[in-house]
Amino acid sequence: MSEQDRPAPKRRSCMQSCGTGCVGIFIVGALVFAIAFSMTGHYKPKIDPLRPLPANNGFDDFAGAGKTFAANGGTKAAYLTTGVSESDISLEVEKGLVAANQPALAQLRSGVGKEAQVPVQRSFTATYPYLAEGRDLARLLNADADVHAAAGDHAGAMNVALDGYEMGQGLTNGGLLIHGLVLVA
């Protein structure tokens, strides 16, 4: 066999000649350099400032309405006394619930039409009690819409439903991931 007939030797890649050790050493070196670079003060992370809250924040009205409604007992008592699911609650119970909670409804409606944004809480231990109160307010708005529809005021029932939609947007706008998940639910 002559030299011309012999196949050319195969070229070896970096991984074959050097092994994975060279790549690992390169990655560790890059990480050490990045940590040293940031620790010496050369790297300043860009922190976006918090968006300022609106001067007349509708969120305050929604959260205040939730507190007012919770102080008046909320919907839990109405649902527990009937012993049925919320879809089977009677119109009379809904009328009583709506009549007894007009101050909470008025406060909620004062927030409708305003820009609403959730104040950001940067804490791992933050709780969001206004989300549960918002759920109760949504039940109250549902009862109010049922009362309007039973009276033949379907436009009023639709307006109440839109108030509930806007309240749901306002209680989650500008919040964290949990707020987005609540809005989807």
N, C-alpha and C. Protein backbone atom coordinates (compact mmCIF):
# COMPACT_ATOMS: atom_id res chain seq x y z
N MET A 1 0.82 -1.16 0.00
CA MET A 1 0.00 0.00 0.00
C MET A 1 0.88 1.24 0.00
N SER A 2 0.63 2.05 -0.93
CA SER A 2 1.43 3.28 -1.03
C SER A 2 0.83 4.36 -0.14
N GLU A 3 1.58 5.42 0.00
CA GLU A 3 1.11 6.50 0.86
C GLU A 3 -0.11 7.19 0.28
N GLN A 4 -0.26 7.17 -0.99
CA GLN A 4 -1.40 7.81 -1.62
C GLN A 4 -2.67 7.02 -1.38
N ASP A 5 -2.56 5.73 -1.21
CA ASP A 5 -3.73 4.88 -1.01
C ASP A 5 -4.21 4.87 0.44
N ARG A 6 -3.38 5.28 1.36
CA ARG A 6 -3.75 5.27 2.77
C ARG A 6 -4.77 6.38 3.06
N PRO A 7 -5.79 6.08 3.89
CA PRO A 7 -6.74 7.14 4.23
C PRO A 7 -6.07 8.18 5.12
N ALA A 8 -6.54 9.40 4.97
CA ALA A 8 -6.00 10.49 5.77
C ALA A 8 -6.43 10.30 7.22
N PRO A 9 -5.57 10.64 8.16
CA PRO A 9 -5.95 10.48 9.57
C PRO A 9 -7.12 11.43 9.90
N LYS A 10 -7.98 10.96 10.76
CA LYS A 10 -9.14 11.76 11.16
C LYS A 10 -8.69 12.85 12.11
N ARG A 11 -9.28 14.01 11.95
CA ARG A 11 -8.98 15.13 12.85
C ARG A 11 -9.76 14.93 14.14
N ARG A 12 -9.16 15.23 15.22
CA ARG A 12 -9.81 15.07 16.51
C ARG A 12 -10.38 16.42 16.95
N SER A 13 -11.55 16.36 17.50
CA SER A 13 -12.16 17.59 18.00
C SER A 13 -11.54 17.95 19.34
N CYS A 14 -11.85 19.13 19.79
CA CYS A 14 -11.34 19.61 21.08
C CYS A 14 -11.80 18.69 22.21
N MET A 15 -13.04 18.22 22.12
CA MET A 15 -13.58 17.36 23.18
C MET A 15 -12.84 16.02 23.20
N GLN A 16 -12.41 15.54 22.02
CA GLN A 16 -11.72 14.26 21.98
C GLN A 16 -10.28 14.39 22.44
N SER A 17 -9.64 15.46 22.09
CA SER A 17 -8.23 15.59 22.45
C SER A 17 -8.06 16.08 23.88
N CYS A 18 -8.91 16.97 24.29
CA CYS A 18 -8.76 17.61 25.59
C CYS A 18 -9.66 16.97 26.64
N GLY A 19 -10.75 16.40 26.17
CA GLY A 19 -11.71 15.83 27.10
C GLY A 19 -12.63 16.89 27.67
N THR A 20 -13.54 16.46 28.49
CA THR A 20 -14.48 17.42 29.07
C THR A 20 -13.83 18.24 30.17
N GLY A 21 -12.66 17.84 30.60
CA GLY A 21 -11.98 18.59 31.66
C GLY A 21 -11.65 20.00 31.24
N CYS A 22 -11.21 20.20 29.99
CA CYS A 22 -10.88 21.55 29.52
C CYS A 22 -12.11 22.44 29.52
N VAL A 23 -13.23 21.90 29.08
CA VAL A 23 -14.47 22.67 29.05
C VAL A 23 -14.90 23.01 30.47
N GLY A 24 -14.81 22.06 31.37
CA GLY A 24 -15.17 22.31 32.76
C GLY A 24 -14.29 23.36 33.40
N ILE A 25 -12.98 23.28 33.14
CA ILE A 25 -12.06 24.28 33.69
C ILE A 25 -12.39 25.66 33.13
N PHE A 26 -12.72 25.73 31.85
CA PHE A 26 -13.09 27.01 31.24
C PHE A 26 -14.34 27.59 31.90
N ILE A 27 -15.36 26.76 32.15
CA ILE A 27 -16.61 27.24 32.75
C ILE A 27 -16.36 27.72 34.18
N VAL A 28 -15.59 26.95 34.95
CA VAL A 28 -15.29 27.35 36.33
C VAL A 28 -14.49 28.65 36.33
N GLY A 29 -13.55 28.79 35.42
CA GLY A 29 -12.77 30.03 35.33
C GLY A 29 -13.64 31.23 34.99
N ALA A 30 -14.59 31.03 34.08
CA ALA A 30 -15.49 32.12 33.70
C ALA A 30 -16.37 32.53 34.89
N LEU A 31 -16.85 31.55 35.65
CA LEU A 31 -17.66 31.86 36.83
C LEU A 31 -16.86 32.60 37.89
N VAL A 32 -15.62 32.16 38.13
CA VAL A 32 -14.77 32.84 39.11
C VAL A 32 -14.52 34.27 38.67
N PHE A 33 -14.25 34.47 37.39
CA PHE A 33 -14.02 35.83 36.89
C PHE A 33 -15.28 36.69 37.06
N ALA A 34 -16.44 36.14 36.76
CA ALA A 34 -17.69 36.91 36.87
C ALA A 34 -17.96 37.28 38.33
N ILE A 35 -17.73 36.36 39.26
CA ILE A 35 -17.95 36.65 40.68
C ILE A 35 -16.96 37.72 41.15
N ALA A 36 -15.69 37.59 40.76
CA ALA A 36 -14.69 38.57 41.17
C ALA A 36 -15.01 39.94 40.57
N PHE A 37 -15.47 39.96 39.34
CA PHE A 37 -15.82 41.21 38.66
C PHE A 37 -16.96 41.92 39.38
N SER A 38 -17.97 41.14 39.81
CA SER A 38 -19.11 41.77 40.49
C SER A 38 -18.76 42.17 41.92
N MET A 39 -17.86 41.44 42.58
CA MET A 39 -17.51 41.75 43.97
C MET A 39 -16.61 42.98 44.08
N THR A 40 -15.88 43.29 43.03
CA THR A 40 -14.99 44.45 43.09
C THR A 40 -15.72 45.74 42.79
N GLY A 41 -17.01 45.67 42.53
CA GLY A 41 -17.80 46.88 42.32
C GLY A 41 -17.86 47.34 40.88
N HIS A 42 -17.32 46.56 39.96
CA HIS A 42 -17.35 46.97 38.55
C HIS A 42 -18.73 46.77 37.94
N TYR A 43 -19.46 45.81 38.46
CA TYR A 43 -20.78 45.51 37.89
C TYR A 43 -21.86 46.09 38.78
N LYS A 44 -22.65 46.94 38.24
CA LYS A 44 -23.78 47.53 38.96
C LYS A 44 -25.05 47.05 38.27
N PRO A 45 -25.83 46.18 38.93
CA PRO A 45 -27.05 45.69 38.28
C PRO A 45 -28.04 46.83 38.11
N LYS A 46 -28.75 46.78 37.01
CA LYS A 46 -29.76 47.80 36.75
C LYS A 46 -31.03 47.41 37.50
N ILE A 47 -31.47 48.26 38.39
CA ILE A 47 -32.69 48.03 39.14
C ILE A 47 -33.70 49.06 38.68
N ASP A 48 -34.75 48.58 38.07
CA ASP A 48 -35.79 49.48 37.61
C ASP A 48 -36.53 50.03 38.81
N PRO A 49 -36.77 51.32 38.81
CA PRO A 49 -37.53 51.89 39.94
C PRO A 49 -38.96 51.40 39.89
N LEU A 50 -39.57 51.35 41.06
CA LEU A 50 -40.97 50.95 41.11
C LEU A 50 -41.82 52.00 40.42
N ARG A 51 -42.80 51.52 39.72
CA ARG A 51 -43.73 52.44 39.07
C ARG A 51 -44.49 53.19 40.16
N PRO A 52 -44.56 54.51 40.08
CA PRO A 52 -45.27 55.23 41.15
C PRO A 52 -46.76 54.88 41.14
N LEU A 53 -47.31 54.80 42.32
CA LEU A 53 -48.74 54.51 42.45
C LEU A 53 -49.54 55.72 42.00
N PRO A 54 -50.71 55.48 41.43
CA PRO A 54 -51.55 56.62 41.04
C PRO A 54 -51.93 57.44 42.27
N ALA A 55 -52.10 58.74 42.06
CA ALA A 55 -52.44 59.63 43.17
C ALA A 55 -53.78 59.25 43.80
N ASN A 56 -54.73 58.90 42.99
CA ASN A 56 -56.05 58.49 43.48
C ASN A 56 -56.24 57.02 43.09
N ASN A 57 -55.59 56.14 43.82
CA ASN A 57 -55.51 54.73 43.45
C ASN A 57 -56.84 54.02 43.70
N GLY A 58 -57.41 53.43 42.65
CA GLY A 58 -58.65 52.69 42.77
C GLY A 58 -58.49 51.44 43.63
N PHE A 59 -57.26 50.93 43.72
CA PHE A 59 -56.99 49.75 44.55
C PHE A 59 -57.37 50.03 46.00
N ASP A 60 -57.11 51.25 46.48
CA ASP A 60 -57.44 51.60 47.86
C ASP A 60 -58.95 51.49 48.10
N ASP A 61 -59.73 51.90 47.10
CA ASP A 61 -61.19 51.80 47.23
C ASP A 61 -61.63 50.33 47.25
N PHE A 62 -61.04 49.51 46.38
CA PHE A 62 -61.41 48.09 46.33
C PHE A 62 -61.03 47.38 47.63
N ALA A 63 -59.81 47.64 48.10
CA ALA A 63 -59.36 47.00 49.35
C ALA A 63 -60.18 47.50 50.53
N GLY A 64 -60.52 48.79 50.54
CA GLY A 64 -61.35 49.34 51.62
C GLY A 64 -62.75 48.75 51.61
N ALA A 65 -63.31 48.55 50.41
CA ALA A 65 -64.63 47.94 50.31
C ALA A 65 -64.58 46.49 50.81
N GLY A 66 -63.50 45.80 50.53
CA GLY A 66 -63.34 44.44 51.02
C GLY A 66 -63.29 44.38 52.53
N LYS A 67 -62.59 45.33 53.14
CA LYS A 67 -62.52 45.38 54.61
C LYS A 67 -63.88 45.72 55.21
N THR A 68 -64.58 46.67 54.58
CA THR A 68 -65.91 47.04 55.07
C THR A 68 -66.85 45.85 55.00
N PHE A 69 -66.79 45.14 53.89
CA PHE A 69 -67.66 43.98 53.70
C PHE A 69 -67.31 42.86 54.67
N ALA A 70 -66.01 42.63 54.88
CA ALA A 70 -65.58 41.59 55.83
C ALA A 70 -66.00 41.95 57.25
N ALA A 71 -65.94 43.23 57.60
CA ALA A 71 -66.36 43.66 58.94
C ALA A 71 -67.86 43.47 59.14
N ASN A 72 -68.60 43.49 58.05
CA ASN A 72 -70.05 43.29 58.13
C ASN A 72 -70.43 41.81 58.03
N GLY A 73 -69.45 40.94 57.98
CA GLY A 73 -69.73 39.50 57.96
C GLY A 73 -69.44 38.82 56.64
N GLY A 74 -69.34 39.58 55.58
CA GLY A 74 -69.05 38.97 54.28
C GLY A 74 -70.17 38.07 53.81
N THR A 75 -69.84 37.17 52.90
CA THR A 75 -70.85 36.26 52.36
C THR A 75 -70.86 34.92 53.07
N LYS A 76 -69.85 34.67 53.87
CA LYS A 76 -69.73 33.35 54.49
C LYS A 76 -70.95 33.00 55.33
N ALA A 77 -71.44 33.94 56.12
CA ALA A 77 -72.60 33.67 56.98
C ALA A 77 -73.83 33.35 56.14
N ALA A 78 -74.02 34.08 55.05
CA ALA A 78 -75.19 33.86 54.20
C ALA A 78 -75.15 32.46 53.58
N TYR A 79 -73.98 32.03 53.18
CA TYR A 79 -73.87 30.71 52.55
C TYR A 79 -73.95 29.59 53.58
N LEU A 80 -73.43 29.82 54.79
CA LEU A 80 -73.48 28.79 55.82
C LEU A 80 -74.91 28.58 56.34
N THR A 81 -75.68 29.65 56.43
CA THR A 81 -77.03 29.51 56.97
C THR A 81 -77.96 28.79 56.00
N THR A 82 -77.69 28.91 54.71
CA THR A 82 -78.56 28.26 53.73
C THR A 82 -78.20 26.80 53.55
N GLY A 83 -76.93 26.48 53.73
CA GLY A 83 -76.50 25.08 53.60
C GLY A 83 -76.46 24.60 52.16
N VAL A 84 -76.47 25.51 51.19
CA VAL A 84 -76.41 25.11 49.78
C VAL A 84 -75.20 25.78 49.14
N SER A 85 -74.91 25.36 47.94
CA SER A 85 -73.78 25.98 47.23
C SER A 85 -74.18 27.38 46.79
N GLU A 86 -73.19 28.17 46.42
CA GLU A 86 -73.49 29.57 46.08
C GLU A 86 -74.33 29.70 44.82
N SER A 87 -74.32 28.71 43.97
CA SER A 87 -75.15 28.81 42.76
C SER A 87 -76.62 28.53 43.08
N ASP A 88 -76.89 27.90 44.22
CA ASP A 88 -78.27 27.56 44.59
C ASP A 88 -78.85 28.47 45.66
N ILE A 89 -78.18 29.56 45.96
CA ILE A 89 -78.66 30.44 47.02
C ILE A 89 -79.93 31.15 46.52
N SER A 90 -80.86 31.39 47.42
CA SER A 90 -82.15 31.95 47.02
C SER A 90 -82.04 33.45 46.73
N LEU A 91 -82.97 33.95 45.96
CA LEU A 91 -83.00 35.36 45.62
C LEU A 91 -83.25 36.23 46.85
N GLU A 92 -84.02 35.72 47.79
CA GLU A 92 -84.31 36.49 49.01
C GLU A 92 -83.04 36.69 49.84
N VAL A 93 -82.21 35.65 49.92
CA VAL A 93 -80.94 35.77 50.65
C VAL A 93 -80.03 36.76 49.94
N GLU A 94 -80.01 36.70 48.60
CA GLU A 94 -79.18 37.64 47.84
C GLU A 94 -79.66 39.08 48.03
N LYS A 95 -80.98 39.28 48.03
CA LYS A 95 -81.51 40.64 48.24
C LYS A 95 -81.12 41.16 49.62
N GLY A 96 -81.21 40.31 50.64
CA GLY A 96 -80.82 40.71 51.99
C GLY A 96 -79.33 41.03 52.07
N LEU A 97 -78.51 40.24 51.38
CA LEU A 97 -77.06 40.45 51.36
C LEU A 97 -76.72 41.78 50.69
N VAL A 98 -77.38 42.07 49.58
CA VAL A 98 -77.12 43.32 48.86
C VAL A 98 -77.61 44.52 49.67
N ALA A 99 -78.80 44.42 50.26
CA ALA A 99 -79.35 45.53 51.04
C ALA A 99 -78.51 45.84 52.27
N ALA A 100 -77.96 44.82 52.90
CA ALA A 100 -77.18 45.02 54.12
C ALA A 100 -75.78 45.56 53.84
N ASN A 101 -75.33 45.48 52.60
CA ASN A 101 -73.96 45.86 52.31
C ASN A 101 -73.84 46.97 51.27
N GLN A 102 -74.78 47.90 51.30
CA GLN A 102 -74.72 49.03 50.38
C GLN A 102 -73.49 49.91 50.59
N PRO A 103 -73.01 50.13 51.84
CA PRO A 103 -71.79 50.94 52.00
C PRO A 103 -70.57 50.31 51.31
N ALA A 104 -70.44 49.00 51.40
CA ALA A 104 -69.31 48.33 50.74
C ALA A 104 -69.44 48.45 49.22
N LEU A 105 -70.65 48.30 48.69
CA LEU A 105 -70.86 48.44 47.25
C LEU A 105 -70.57 49.86 46.79
N ALA A 106 -70.97 50.85 47.59
CA ALA A 106 -70.71 52.25 47.22
C ALA A 106 -69.20 52.53 47.20
N GLN A 107 -68.48 52.00 48.18
CA GLN A 107 -67.03 52.20 48.22
C GLN A 107 -66.35 51.49 47.06
N LEU A 108 -66.82 50.30 46.73
CA LEU A 108 -66.27 49.57 45.59
C LEU A 108 -66.50 50.36 44.31
N ARG A 109 -67.70 50.89 44.14
CA ARG A 109 -68.02 51.62 42.91
C ARG A 109 -67.27 52.94 42.82
N SER A 110 -66.80 53.48 43.95
CA SER A 110 -66.00 54.71 43.89
C SER A 110 -64.63 54.43 43.27
N GLY A 111 -64.19 53.17 43.31
CA GLY A 111 -62.92 52.80 42.70
C GLY A 111 -63.03 52.47 41.22
N VAL A 112 -64.24 52.21 40.76
CA VAL A 112 -64.45 51.88 39.36
C VAL A 112 -64.21 53.13 38.51
N GLY A 113 -63.43 52.98 37.47
CA GLY A 113 -63.12 54.12 36.59
C GLY A 113 -61.82 54.80 36.95
N LYS A 114 -61.25 54.48 38.10
CA LYS A 114 -59.96 55.05 38.48
C LYS A 114 -58.86 54.09 38.06
N GLU A 115 -57.67 54.63 37.90
CA GLU A 115 -56.52 53.77 37.65
C GLU A 115 -56.21 53.04 38.95
N ALA A 116 -55.99 51.74 38.85
CA ALA A 116 -55.72 50.94 40.05
C ALA A 116 -54.42 50.16 39.88
N GLN A 117 -53.62 50.17 40.92
CA GLN A 117 -52.37 49.42 40.91
C GLN A 117 -52.07 48.90 42.31
N VAL A 118 -51.68 47.64 42.38
CA VAL A 118 -51.35 47.01 43.65
C VAL A 118 -50.01 47.55 44.15
N PRO A 119 -49.93 47.98 45.40
CA PRO A 119 -48.63 48.37 45.96
C PRO A 119 -47.75 47.13 46.10
N VAL A 120 -46.52 47.23 45.64
CA VAL A 120 -45.62 46.08 45.66
C VAL A 120 -45.07 45.89 47.07
N GLN A 121 -45.11 44.65 47.54
CA GLN A 121 -44.53 44.29 48.83
C GLN A 121 -43.35 43.38 48.55
N ARG A 122 -42.16 43.82 48.89
CA ARG A 122 -40.96 43.02 48.64
C ARG A 122 -40.59 42.27 49.91
N SER A 123 -41.29 41.18 50.15
CA SER A 123 -41.05 40.39 51.34
C SER A 123 -41.51 38.96 51.08
N PHE A 124 -40.74 38.01 51.59
CA PHE A 124 -41.12 36.61 51.43
C PHE A 124 -42.30 36.25 52.33
N THR A 125 -42.53 37.05 53.35
CA THR A 125 -43.60 36.75 54.30
C THR A 125 -44.85 37.59 54.04
N ALA A 126 -44.91 38.25 52.89
CA ALA A 126 -46.06 39.11 52.59
C ALA A 126 -47.32 38.26 52.42
N THR A 127 -48.40 38.75 52.96
CA THR A 127 -49.70 38.10 52.77
C THR A 127 -50.58 39.06 51.99
N TYR A 128 -51.59 38.52 51.37
CA TYR A 128 -52.45 39.33 50.52
C TYR A 128 -53.90 39.10 50.92
N PRO A 129 -54.32 39.63 52.07
CA PRO A 129 -55.69 39.37 52.54
C PRO A 129 -56.75 39.98 51.63
N TYR A 130 -56.39 41.01 50.89
CA TYR A 130 -57.37 41.65 50.02
C TYR A 130 -57.80 40.74 48.87
N LEU A 131 -57.04 39.70 48.58
CA LEU A 131 -57.46 38.76 47.52
C LEU A 131 -58.66 37.94 47.97
N ALA A 132 -58.67 37.47 49.22
CA ALA A 132 -59.83 36.74 49.74
C ALA A 132 -61.03 37.66 49.89
N GLU A 133 -60.76 38.90 50.34
CA GLU A 133 -61.86 39.86 50.45
C GLU A 133 -62.41 40.22 49.07
N GLY A 134 -61.54 40.25 48.07
CA GLY A 134 -61.99 40.49 46.70
C GLY A 134 -62.89 39.37 46.19
N ARG A 135 -62.57 38.14 46.57
CA ARG A 135 -63.44 37.01 46.20
C ARG A 135 -64.82 37.17 46.82
N ASP A 136 -64.86 37.59 48.08
CA ASP A 136 -66.14 37.82 48.74
C ASP A 136 -66.91 38.97 48.07
N LEU A 137 -66.18 40.03 47.70
CA LEU A 137 -66.84 41.13 46.99
C LEU A 137 -67.39 40.67 45.64
N ALA A 138 -66.67 39.78 44.97
CA ALA A 138 -67.17 39.26 43.70
C ALA A 138 -68.47 38.48 43.91
N ARG A 139 -68.56 37.75 45.02
CA ARG A 139 -69.82 37.06 45.34
C ARG A 139 -70.94 38.06 45.60
N LEU A 140 -70.60 39.14 46.29
CA LEU A 140 -71.61 40.18 46.55
C LEU A 140 -72.07 40.82 45.24
N LEU A 141 -71.13 41.08 44.34
CA LEU A 141 -71.50 41.65 43.04
C LEU A 141 -72.33 40.66 42.23
N ASN A 142 -72.04 39.39 42.34
CA ASN A 142 -72.84 38.37 41.67
C ASN A 142 -74.27 38.38 42.20
N ALA A 143 -74.41 38.50 43.52
CA ALA A 143 -75.74 38.57 44.12
C ALA A 143 -76.46 39.84 43.66
N ASP A 144 -75.73 40.96 43.58
CA ASP A 144 -76.32 42.21 43.12
C ASP A 144 -76.78 42.09 41.66
N ALA A 145 -75.99 41.43 40.84
CA ALA A 145 -76.38 41.23 39.43
C ALA A 145 -77.63 40.35 39.35
N ASP A 146 -77.72 39.34 40.21
CA ASP A 146 -78.91 38.48 40.22
C ASP A 146 -80.15 39.26 40.63
N VAL A 147 -80.00 40.17 41.59
CA VAL A 147 -81.12 40.99 42.04
C VAL A 147 -81.58 41.90 40.90
N HIS A 148 -80.63 42.52 40.20
CA HIS A 148 -80.99 43.37 39.05
C HIS A 148 -81.68 42.56 37.96
N ALA A 149 -81.14 41.40 37.65
CA ALA A 149 -81.73 40.57 36.59
C ALA A 149 -83.13 40.10 36.96
N ALA A 150 -83.35 39.77 38.24
CA ALA A 150 -84.68 39.32 38.68
C ALA A 150 -85.69 40.45 38.58
N ALA A 151 -85.24 41.69 38.72
CA ALA A 151 -86.13 42.84 38.60
C ALA A 151 -86.34 43.25 37.14
N GLY A 152 -85.70 42.55 36.22
CA GLY A 152 -85.83 42.87 34.80
C GLY A 152 -84.85 43.92 34.32
N ASP A 153 -83.93 44.35 35.17
CA ASP A 153 -82.93 45.36 34.80
C ASP A 153 -81.66 44.65 34.32
N HIS A 154 -81.70 44.18 33.08
CA HIS A 154 -80.56 43.42 32.56
C HIS A 154 -79.36 44.32 32.26
N ALA A 155 -79.61 45.58 31.90
CA ALA A 155 -78.50 46.52 31.70
C ALA A 155 -77.79 46.79 33.03
N GLY A 156 -78.56 46.92 34.10
CA GLY A 156 -77.97 47.11 35.42
C GLY A 156 -77.17 45.89 35.85
N ALA A 157 -77.68 44.72 35.54
CA ALA A 157 -76.95 43.48 35.87
C ALA A 157 -75.64 43.41 35.10
N MET A 158 -75.67 43.85 33.84
CA MET A 158 -74.44 43.86 33.04
C MET A 158 -73.44 44.87 33.59
N ASN A 159 -73.91 46.03 34.04
CA ASN A 159 -73.01 47.03 34.64
C ASN A 159 -72.37 46.50 35.91
N VAL A 160 -73.13 45.77 36.71
CA VAL A 160 -72.58 45.18 37.93
C VAL A 160 -71.51 44.15 37.57
N ALA A 161 -71.77 43.35 36.54
CA ALA A 161 -70.78 42.36 36.11
C ALA A 161 -69.50 43.05 35.63
N LEU A 162 -69.65 44.16 34.92
CA LEU A 162 -68.47 44.91 34.46
C LEU A 162 -67.71 45.53 35.64
N ASP A 163 -68.45 45.97 36.67
CA ASP A 163 -67.79 46.46 37.89
C ASP A 163 -66.93 45.36 38.51
N GLY A 164 -67.46 44.14 38.52
CA GLY A 164 -66.71 43.01 39.06
C GLY A 164 -65.46 42.72 38.25
N TYR A 165 -65.58 42.83 36.93
CA TYR A 165 -64.42 42.60 36.07
C TYR A 165 -63.36 43.65 36.33
N GLU A 166 -63.77 44.92 36.44
CA GLU A 166 -62.81 45.99 36.68
C GLU A 166 -62.18 45.86 38.06
N MET A 167 -62.95 45.43 39.04
CA MET A 167 -62.39 45.22 40.37
C MET A 167 -61.33 44.11 40.32
N GLY A 168 -61.62 43.04 39.60
CA GLY A 168 -60.65 41.95 39.48
C GLY A 168 -59.36 42.40 38.82
N GLN A 169 -59.47 43.25 37.81
CA GLN A 169 -58.27 43.79 37.17
C GLN A 169 -57.51 44.70 38.13
N GLY A 170 -58.24 45.52 38.88
CA GLY A 170 -57.60 46.47 39.79
C GLY A 170 -56.90 45.81 40.97
N LEU A 171 -57.44 44.68 41.43
CA LEU A 171 -56.83 43.97 42.56
C LEU A 171 -55.59 43.18 42.15
N THR A 172 -55.32 43.07 40.85
CA THR A 172 -54.16 42.30 40.40
C THR A 172 -53.18 43.12 39.57
N ASN A 173 -53.54 44.31 39.15
CA ASN A 173 -52.71 45.13 38.27
C ASN A 173 -51.44 45.56 38.99
N GLY A 174 -50.30 45.22 38.41
CA GLY A 174 -49.02 45.62 38.98
C GLY A 174 -48.54 44.73 40.10
N GLY A 175 -49.25 43.66 40.38
CA GLY A 175 -48.85 42.77 41.46
C GLY A 175 -47.81 41.75 41.01
N LEU A 176 -47.59 40.77 41.84
CA LEU A 176 -46.60 39.74 41.57
C LEU A 176 -47.23 38.58 40.83
N LEU A 177 -46.51 37.48 40.73
CA LEU A 177 -46.99 36.30 40.02
C LEU A 177 -48.28 35.78 40.62
N ILE A 178 -48.40 35.80 41.95
CA ILE A 178 -49.61 35.31 42.60
C ILE A 178 -50.82 36.11 42.15
N HIS A 179 -50.66 37.41 41.93
CA HIS A 179 -51.77 38.23 41.48
C HIS A 179 -52.19 37.85 40.06
N GLY A 180 -51.22 37.58 39.22
CA GLY A 180 -51.55 37.13 37.86
C GLY A 180 -52.28 35.81 37.85
N LEU A 181 -51.86 34.90 38.73
CA LEU A 181 -52.54 33.61 38.81
C LEU A 181 -53.95 33.75 39.33
N VAL A 182 -54.14 34.67 40.28
CA VAL A 182 -55.49 34.92 40.80
C VAL A 182 -56.37 35.50 39.72
N LEU A 183 -55.83 36.41 38.92
CA LEU A 183 -56.61 37.01 37.84
C LEU A 183 -57.04 35.95 36.84
N VAL A 184 -56.15 35.02 36.51
CA VAL A 184 -56.50 33.96 35.57
C VAL A 184 -57.58 33.07 36.14
N ALA A 185 -57.50 32.78 37.46
CA ALA A 185 -58.50 31.92 38.09
C ALA A 185 -59.84 32.62 38.12
